Amino acid sequence: MATLKPSVASFATKQRKGAATWDVRVSWPNGSSAVVPGFASDAEASRWIETKSIEWLRARQTGSHDAPRKGA
């Protein structure tokens, strides 16, 4: 399971209960959270954290609807 904790948010992979898919769970220090769903494996979700999570955070902070998701 991959975990990334930039100063703004924490990212972790988690397999969906009763499913073969994985999500990336995002948590902020204020207790709010978000889910980036639909990864085929822990490795794929971990790669997204490593390559897309910072861009995803920036897009959310600027209100952009173009935040990178799975496959982007």
PDB file of N, CA and C in Angstrom:
ATOM      1  N   MET A   1       0.847  -1.175   0.000  1.00  0.00           N
ATOM      2  CA  MET A   1       0.000   0.000   0.000  1.00  0.00           C
ATOM      3  C   MET A   1       0.890   1.235   0.000  1.00  0.00           C
ATOM      4  N   ALA A   2       0.663   2.130  -0.929  1.00  0.00           N
ATOM      5  CA  ALA A   2       1.447   3.361  -1.016  1.00  0.00           C
ATOM      6  C   ALA A   2       0.780   4.460  -0.207  1.00  0.00           C
ATOM      7  N   THR A   3       1.623   5.277   0.403  1.00  0.00           N
ATOM      8  CA  THR A   3       1.122   6.419   1.148  1.00  0.00           C
ATOM      9  C   THR A   3       2.019   7.605   0.846  1.00  0.00           C
ATOM     10  N   LEU A   4       1.430   8.769   0.595  1.00  0.00           N
ATOM     11  CA  LEU A   4       2.162  10.005   0.368  1.00  0.00           C
ATOM     12  C   LEU A   4       1.544  11.057   1.263  1.00  0.00           C
ATOM     13  N   LYS A   5       2.382  11.802   1.987  1.00  0.00           N
ATOM     14  CA  LYS A   5       1.862  12.817   2.890  1.00  0.00           C
ATOM     15  C   LYS A   5       2.502  14.165   2.604  1.00  0.00           C
ATOM     16  N   PRO A   6       2.066  14.838   1.533  1.00  0.00           N
ATOM     17  CA  PRO A   6       2.534  16.200   1.350  1.00  0.00           C
ATOM     18  C   PRO A   6       1.961  17.060   2.461  1.00  0.00           C
ATOM     19  N   SER A   7       2.435  18.272   2.610  1.00  0.00           N
ATOM     20  CA  SER A   7       2.010  19.114   3.727  1.00  0.00           C
ATOM     21  C   SER A   7       0.513  19.424   3.711  1.00  0.00           C
ATOM     22  N   VAL A   8      -0.140  19.244   2.596  1.00  0.00           N
ATOM     23  CA  VAL A   8      -1.549  19.602   2.478  1.00  0.00           C
ATOM     24  C   VAL A   8      -2.482  18.406   2.661  1.00  0.00           C
ATOM     25  N   ALA A   9      -2.110  17.251   2.174  1.00  0.00           N
ATOM     26  CA  ALA A   9      -3.003  16.090   2.192  1.00  0.00           C
ATOM     27  C   ALA A   9      -2.202  14.807   2.279  1.00  0.00           C
ATOM     28  N   SER A  10      -2.892  13.745   2.700  1.00  0.00           N
ATOM     29  CA  SER A  10      -2.302  12.406   2.729  1.00  0.00           C
ATOM     30  C   SER A  10      -3.007  11.551   1.687  1.00  0.00           C
ATOM     31  N   PHE A  11      -2.249  10.733   0.980  1.00  0.00           N
ATOM     32  CA  PHE A  11      -2.788   9.834  -0.036  1.00  0.00           C
ATOM     33  C   PHE A  11      -2.483   8.402   0.359  1.00  0.00           C
ATOM     34  N   ALA A  12      -3.459   7.514   0.197  1.00  0.00           N
ATOM     35  CA  ALA A  12      -3.247   6.097   0.482  1.00  0.00           C
ATOM     36  C   ALA A  12      -4.102   5.256  -0.452  1.00  0.00           C
ATOM     37  N   THR A  13      -3.586   4.094  -0.827  1.00  0.00           N
ATOM     38  CA  THR A  13      -4.359   3.165  -1.645  1.00  0.00           C
ATOM     39  C   THR A  13      -5.179   2.260  -0.739  1.00  0.00           C
ATOM     40  N   LYS A  14      -6.337   1.844  -1.245  1.00  0.00           N
ATOM     41  CA  LYS A  14      -7.192   0.941  -0.484  1.00  0.00           C
ATOM     42  C   LYS A  14      -8.039   0.139  -1.454  1.00  0.00           C
ATOM     43  N   GLN A  15      -8.068  -1.182  -1.234  1.00  0.00           N
ATOM     44  CA  GLN A  15      -8.904  -2.033  -2.081  1.00  0.00           C
ATOM     45  C   GLN A  15     -10.355  -1.869  -1.654  1.00  0.00           C
ATOM     46  N   ARG A  16     -11.237  -1.784  -2.653  1.00  0.00           N
ATOM     47  CA  ARG A  16     -12.670  -1.679  -2.366  1.00  0.00           C
ATOM     48  C   ARG A  16     -13.172  -2.968  -1.754  1.00  0.00           C
ATOM     49  N   LYS A  17     -13.991  -2.840  -0.745  1.00  0.00           N
ATOM     50  CA  LYS A  17     -14.576  -4.014  -0.093  1.00  0.00           C
ATOM     51  C   LYS A  17     -15.386  -4.815  -1.089  1.00  0.00           C
ATOM     52  N   GLY A  18     -15.120  -6.106  -1.161  1.00  0.00           N
ATOM     53  CA  GLY A  18     -15.876  -6.993  -2.020  1.00  0.00           C
ATOM     54  C   GLY A  18     -15.667  -6.762  -3.505  1.00  0.00           C
ATOM     55  N   ALA A  19     -14.599  -6.052  -3.873  1.00  0.00           N
ATOM     56  CA  ALA A  19     -14.354  -5.762  -5.294  1.00  0.00           C
ATOM     57  C   ALA A  19     -12.885  -6.001  -5.614  1.00  0.00           C
ATOM     58  N   ALA A  20     -12.604  -6.076  -6.894  1.00  0.00           N
ATOM     59  CA  ALA A  20     -11.224  -6.268  -7.343  1.00  0.00           C
ATOM     60  C   ALA A  20     -10.568  -4.939  -7.696  1.00  0.00           C
ATOM     61  N   THR A  21     -11.227  -3.832  -7.424  1.00  0.00           N
ATOM     62  CA  THR A  21     -10.686  -2.524  -7.775  1.00  0.00           C
ATOM     63  C   THR A  21     -10.122  -1.816  -6.545  1.00  0.00           C
ATOM     64  N   TRP A  22      -9.287  -0.840  -6.824  1.00  0.00           N
ATOM     65  CA  TRP A  22      -8.615  -0.061  -5.785  1.00  0.00           C
ATOM     66  C   TRP A  22      -8.978   1.408  -5.931  1.00  0.00           C
ATOM     67  N   ASP A  23      -8.933   2.122  -4.821  1.00  0.00           N
ATOM     68  CA  ASP A  23      -9.150   3.562  -4.789  1.00  0.00           C
ATOM     69  C   ASP A  23      -7.919   4.235  -4.207  1.00  0.00           C
ATOM     70  N   VAL A  24      -7.797   5.525  -4.474  1.00  0.00           N
ATOM     71  CA  VAL A  24      -6.848   6.359  -3.751  1.00  0.00           C
ATOM     72  C   VAL A  24      -7.685   7.214  -2.814  1.00  0.00           C
ATOM     73  N   ARG A  25      -7.394   7.131  -1.546  1.00  0.00           N
ATOM     74  CA  ARG A  25      -8.096   7.916  -0.526  1.00  0.00           C
ATOM     75  C   ARG A  25      -7.232   9.122  -0.188  1.00  0.00           C
ATOM     76  N   VAL A  26      -7.848  10.288  -0.196  1.00  0.00           N
ATOM     77  CA  VAL A  26      -7.146  11.533   0.099  1.00  0.00           C
ATOM     78  C   VAL A  26      -7.734  12.103   1.382  1.00  0.00           C
ATOM     79  N   SER A  27      -6.864  12.454   2.331  1.00  0.00           N
ATOM     80  CA  SER A  27      -7.310  13.009   3.606  1.00  0.00           C
ATOM     81  C   SER A  27      -6.577  14.311   3.882  1.00  0.00           C
ATOM     82  N   TRP A  28      -7.314  15.295   4.373  1.00  0.00           N
ATOM     83  CA  TRP A  28      -6.737  16.579   4.743  1.00  0.00           C
ATOM     84  C   TRP A  28      -6.690  16.707   6.260  1.00  0.00           C
ATOM     85  N   PRO A  29      -5.796  17.549   6.766  1.00  0.00           N
ATOM     86  CA  PRO A  29      -5.668  17.717   8.220  1.00  0.00           C
ATOM     87  C   PRO A  29      -6.962  18.160   8.914  1.00  0.00           C
ATOM     88  N   ASN A  30      -7.872  18.818   8.197  1.00  0.00           N
ATOM     89  CA  ASN A  30      -9.119  19.286   8.809  1.00  0.00           C
ATOM     90  C   ASN A  30     -10.177  18.190   8.909  1.00  0.00           C
ATOM     91  N   GLY A  31      -9.834  16.966   8.466  1.00  0.00           N
ATOM     92  CA  GLY A  31     -10.750  15.836   8.562  1.00  0.00           C
ATOM     93  C   GLY A  31     -11.547  15.554   7.305  1.00  0.00           C
ATOM     94  N   SER A  32     -11.500  16.427   6.311  1.00  0.00           N
ATOM     95  CA  SER A  32     -12.227  16.158   5.068  1.00  0.00           C
ATOM     96  C   SER A  32     -11.457  15.128   4.244  1.00  0.00           C
ATOM     97  N   SER A  33     -12.158  14.524   3.301  1.00  0.00           N
ATOM     98  CA  SER A  33     -11.539  13.479   2.495  1.00  0.00           C
ATOM     99  C   SER A  33     -12.150  13.431   1.103  1.00  0.00           C
ATOM    100  N   ALA A  34     -11.479  12.717   0.216  1.00  0.00           N
ATOM    101  CA  ALA A  34     -11.950  12.504  -1.152  1.00  0.00           C
ATOM    102  C   ALA A  34     -11.465  11.139  -1.602  1.00  0.00           C
ATOM    103  N   VAL A  35     -12.081  10.623  -2.636  1.00  0.00           N
ATOM    104  CA  VAL A  35     -11.705   9.330  -3.197  1.00  0.00           C
ATOM    105  C   VAL A  35     -11.507   9.479  -4.699  1.00  0.00           C
ATOM    106  N   VAL A  36     -10.412   8.953  -5.196  1.00  0.00           N
ATOM    107  CA  VAL A  36     -10.176   8.831  -6.633  1.00  0.00           C
ATOM    108  C   VAL A  36     -10.354   7.340  -6.917  1.00  0.00           C
ATOM    109  N   PRO A  37     -11.461   6.943  -7.544  1.00  0.00           N
ATOM    110  CA  PRO A  37     -11.798   5.527  -7.671  1.00  0.00           C
ATOM    111  C   PRO A  37     -11.313   4.866  -8.965  1.00  0.00           C
ATOM    112  N   GLY A  38     -11.401   3.530  -8.956  1.00  0.00           N
ATOM    113  CA  GLY A  38     -11.360   2.778 -10.198  1.00  0.00           C
ATOM    114  C   GLY A  38     -10.027   2.294 -10.702  1.00  0.00           C
ATOM    115  N   PHE A  39      -9.073   2.022  -9.832  1.00  0.00           N
ATOM    116  CA  PHE A  39      -7.788   1.497 -10.283  1.00  0.00           C
ATOM    117  C   PHE A  39      -7.832  -0.029 -10.288  1.00  0.00           C
ATOM    118  N   ALA A  40      -7.142  -0.639 -11.236  1.00  0.00           N
ATOM    119  CA  ALA A  40      -7.175  -2.096 -11.385  1.00  0.00           C
ATOM    120  C   ALA A  40      -6.313  -2.809 -10.353  1.00  0.00           C
ATOM    121  N   SER A  41      -5.348  -2.108  -9.776  1.00  0.00           N
ATOM    122  CA  SER A  41      -4.438  -2.756  -8.836  1.00  0.00           C
ATOM    123  C   SER A  41      -3.861  -1.735  -7.867  1.00  0.00           C
ATOM    124  N   ASP A  42      -3.264  -2.249  -6.804  1.00  0.00           N
ATOM    125  CA  ASP A  42      -2.556  -1.392  -5.859  1.00  0.00           C
ATOM    126  C   ASP A  42      -1.409  -0.676  -6.565  1.00  0.00           C
ATOM    127  N   ALA A  43      -0.714  -1.391  -7.451  1.00  0.00           N
ATOM    128  CA  ALA A  43       0.409  -0.799  -8.178  1.00  0.00           C
ATOM    129  C   ALA A  43      -0.046   0.370  -9.050  1.00  0.00           C
ATOM    130  N   GLU A  44      -1.184   0.210  -9.729  1.00  0.00           N
ATOM    131  CA  GLU A  44      -1.702   1.291 -10.577  1.00  0.00           C
ATOM    132  C   GLU A  44      -2.095   2.500  -9.717  1.00  0.00           C
ATOM    133  N   ALA A  45      -2.752   2.256  -8.597  1.00  0.00           N
ATOM    134  CA  ALA A  45      -3.136   3.354  -7.696  1.00  0.00           C
ATOM    135  C   ALA A  45      -1.889   4.033  -7.125  1.00  0.00           C
ATOM    136  N   SER A  46      -0.886   3.251  -6.788  1.00  0.00           N
ATOM    137  CA  SER A  46       0.368   3.803  -6.259  1.00  0.00           C
ATOM    138  C   SER A  46       1.072   4.666  -7.298  1.00  0.00           C
ATOM    139  N   ARG A  47       1.066   4.215  -8.556  1.00  0.00           N
ATOM    140  CA  ARG A  47       1.659   5.002  -9.644  1.00  0.00           C
ATOM    141  C   ARG A  47       0.939   6.334  -9.794  1.00  0.00           C
ATOM    142  N   TRP A  48      -0.404   6.324  -9.661  1.00  0.00           N
ATOM    143  CA  TRP A  48      -1.159   7.567  -9.751  1.00  0.00           C
ATOM    144  C   TRP A  48      -0.731   8.522  -8.636  1.00  0.00           C
ATOM    145  N   ILE A  49      -0.565   8.004  -7.436  1.00  0.00           N
ATOM    146  CA  ILE A  49      -0.109   8.852  -6.331  1.00  0.00           C
ATOM    147  C   ILE A  49       1.244   9.460  -6.667  1.00  0.00           C
ATOM    148  N   GLU A  50       2.155   8.644  -7.169  1.00  0.00           N
ATOM    149  CA  GLU A  50       3.508   9.103  -7.478  1.00  0.00           C
ATOM    150  C   GLU A  50       3.545  10.102  -8.630  1.00  0.00           C
ATOM    151  N   THR A  51       2.668   9.942  -9.613  1.00  0.00           N
ATOM    152  CA  THR A  51       2.781  10.754 -10.836  1.00  0.00           C
ATOM    153  C   THR A  51       1.696  11.816 -11.022  1.00  0.00           C
ATOM    154  N   LYS A  52       0.543  11.659 -10.394  1.00  0.00           N
ATOM    155  CA  LYS A  52      -0.575  12.563 -10.661  1.00  0.00           C
ATOM    156  C   LYS A  52      -1.120  13.303  -9.440  1.00  0.00           C
ATOM    157  N   SER A  53      -0.780  12.860  -8.238  1.00  0.00           N
ATOM    158  CA  SER A  53      -1.439  13.404  -7.049  1.00  0.00           C
ATOM    159  C   SER A  53      -1.170  14.894  -6.828  1.00  0.00           C
ATOM    160  N   ILE A  54       0.049  15.339  -7.057  1.00  0.00           N
ATOM    161  CA  ILE A  54       0.362  16.756  -6.853  1.00  0.00           C
ATOM    162  C   ILE A  54      -0.414  17.610  -7.853  1.00  0.00           C
ATOM    163  N   GLU A  55      -0.463  17.167  -9.107  1.00  0.00           N
ATOM    164  CA  GLU A  55      -1.238  17.879 -10.132  1.00  0.00           C
ATOM    165  C   GLU A  55      -2.723  17.882  -9.761  1.00  0.00           C
ATOM    166  N   TRP A  56      -3.236  16.765  -9.240  1.00  0.00           N
ATOM    167  CA  TRP A  56      -4.627  16.655  -8.810  1.00  0.00           C
ATOM    168  C   TRP A  56      -4.908  17.655  -7.690  1.00  0.00           C
ATOM    169  N   LEU A  57      -3.995  17.746  -6.713  1.00  0.00           N
ATOM    170  CA  LEU A  57      -4.158  18.712  -5.619  1.00  0.00           C
ATOM    171  C   LEU A  57      -4.188  20.145  -6.143  1.00  0.00           C
ATOM    172  N   ARG A  58      -3.251  20.457  -7.025  1.00  0.00           N
ATOM    173  CA  ARG A  58      -3.205  21.824  -7.592  1.00  0.00           C
ATOM    174  C   ARG A  58      -4.510  22.160  -8.301  1.00  0.00           C
ATOM    175  N   ALA A  59      -5.028  21.219  -9.088  1.00  0.00           N
ATOM    176  CA  ALA A  59      -6.275  21.457  -9.815  1.00  0.00           C
ATOM    177  C   ALA A  59      -7.436  21.678  -8.840  1.00  0.00           C
ATOM    178  N   ARG A  60      -7.490  20.914  -7.767  1.00  0.00           N
ATOM    179  CA  ARG A  60      -8.551  21.092  -6.757  1.00  0.00           C
ATOM    180  C   ARG A  60      -8.440  22.445  -6.077  1.00  0.00           C
ATOM    181  N   GLN A  61      -7.207  22.856  -5.789  1.00  0.00           N
ATOM    182  CA  GLN A  61      -7.001  24.129  -5.093  1.00  0.00           C
ATOM    183  C   GLN A  61      -7.373  25.316  -5.962  1.00  0.00           C
ATOM    184  N   THR A  62      -7.242  25.174  -7.276  1.00  0.00           N
ATOM    185  CA  THR A  62      -7.581  26.267  -8.174  1.00  0.00           C
ATOM    186  C   THR A  62      -9.014  26.167  -8.684  1.00  0.00           C
ATOM    187  N   GLY A  63      -9.731  25.116  -8.254  1.00  0.00           N
ATOM    188  CA  GLY A  63     -11.109  24.947  -8.682  1.00  0.00           C
ATOM    189  C   GLY A  63     -11.260  24.374 -10.084  1.00  0.00           C
ATOM    190  N   SER A  64     -10.171  23.865 -10.636  1.00  0.00           N
ATOM    191  CA  SER A  64     -10.213  23.299 -11.975  1.00  0.00           C
ATOM    192  C   SER A  64     -10.961  21.980 -11.978  1.00  0.00           C
ATOM    193  N   HIS A  65     -11.735  21.759 -13.004  1.00  0.00           N
ATOM    194  CA  HIS A  65     -12.431  20.482 -13.165  1.00  0.00           C
ATOM    195  C   HIS A  65     -11.585  19.519 -13.995  1.00  0.00           C
ATOM    196  N   ASP A  66     -10.356  19.917 -14.278  1.00  0.00           N
ATOM    197  CA  ASP A  66      -9.478  19.083 -15.092  1.00  0.00           C
ATOM    198  C   ASP A  66      -8.476  18.319 -14.244  1.00  0.00           C
ATOM    199  N   ALA A  67      -8.804  18.061 -12.979  1.00  0.00           N
ATOM    200  CA  ALA A  67      -7.905  17.297 -12.119  1.00  0.00           C
ATOM    201  C   ALA A  67      -7.695  15.920 -12.736  1.00  0.00           C
ATOM    202  N   PRO A  68      -6.434  15.465 -12.811  1.00  0.00           N
ATOM    203  CA  PRO A  68      -6.172  14.169 -13.431  1.00  0.00           C
ATOM    204  C   PRO A  68      -6.775  13.023 -12.639  1.00  0.00           C
ATOM    205  N   ARG A  69      -7.456  12.163 -13.317  1.00  0.00           N
ATOM    206  CA  ARG A  69      -8.057  10.983 -12.708  1.00  0.00           C
ATOM    207  C   ARG A  69      -7.381   9.762 -13.289  1.00  0.00           C
ATOM    208  N   LYS A  70      -7.900   8.630 -12.980  1.00  0.00           N
ATOM    209  CA  LYS A  70      -7.376   7.381 -13.528  1.00  0.00           C
ATOM    210  C   LYS A  70      -7.308   7.487 -15.049  1.00  0.00           C
ATOM    211  N   GLY A  71      -6.204   7.059 -15.600  1.00  0.00           N
ATOM    212  CA  GLY A  71      -6.045   7.030 -17.041  1.00  0.00           C
ATOM    213  C   GLY A  71      -5.687   8.356 -17.658  1.00  0.00           C
ATOM    214  N   ALA A  72      -5.650   9.396 -16.855  1.00  0.00           N
ATOM    215  CA  ALA A  72      -5.323  10.716 -17.409  1.00  0.00           C
ATOM    216  C   ALA A  72      -3.841  10.949 -17.430  1.00  0.00           C
TER     217      ALA A  72
END
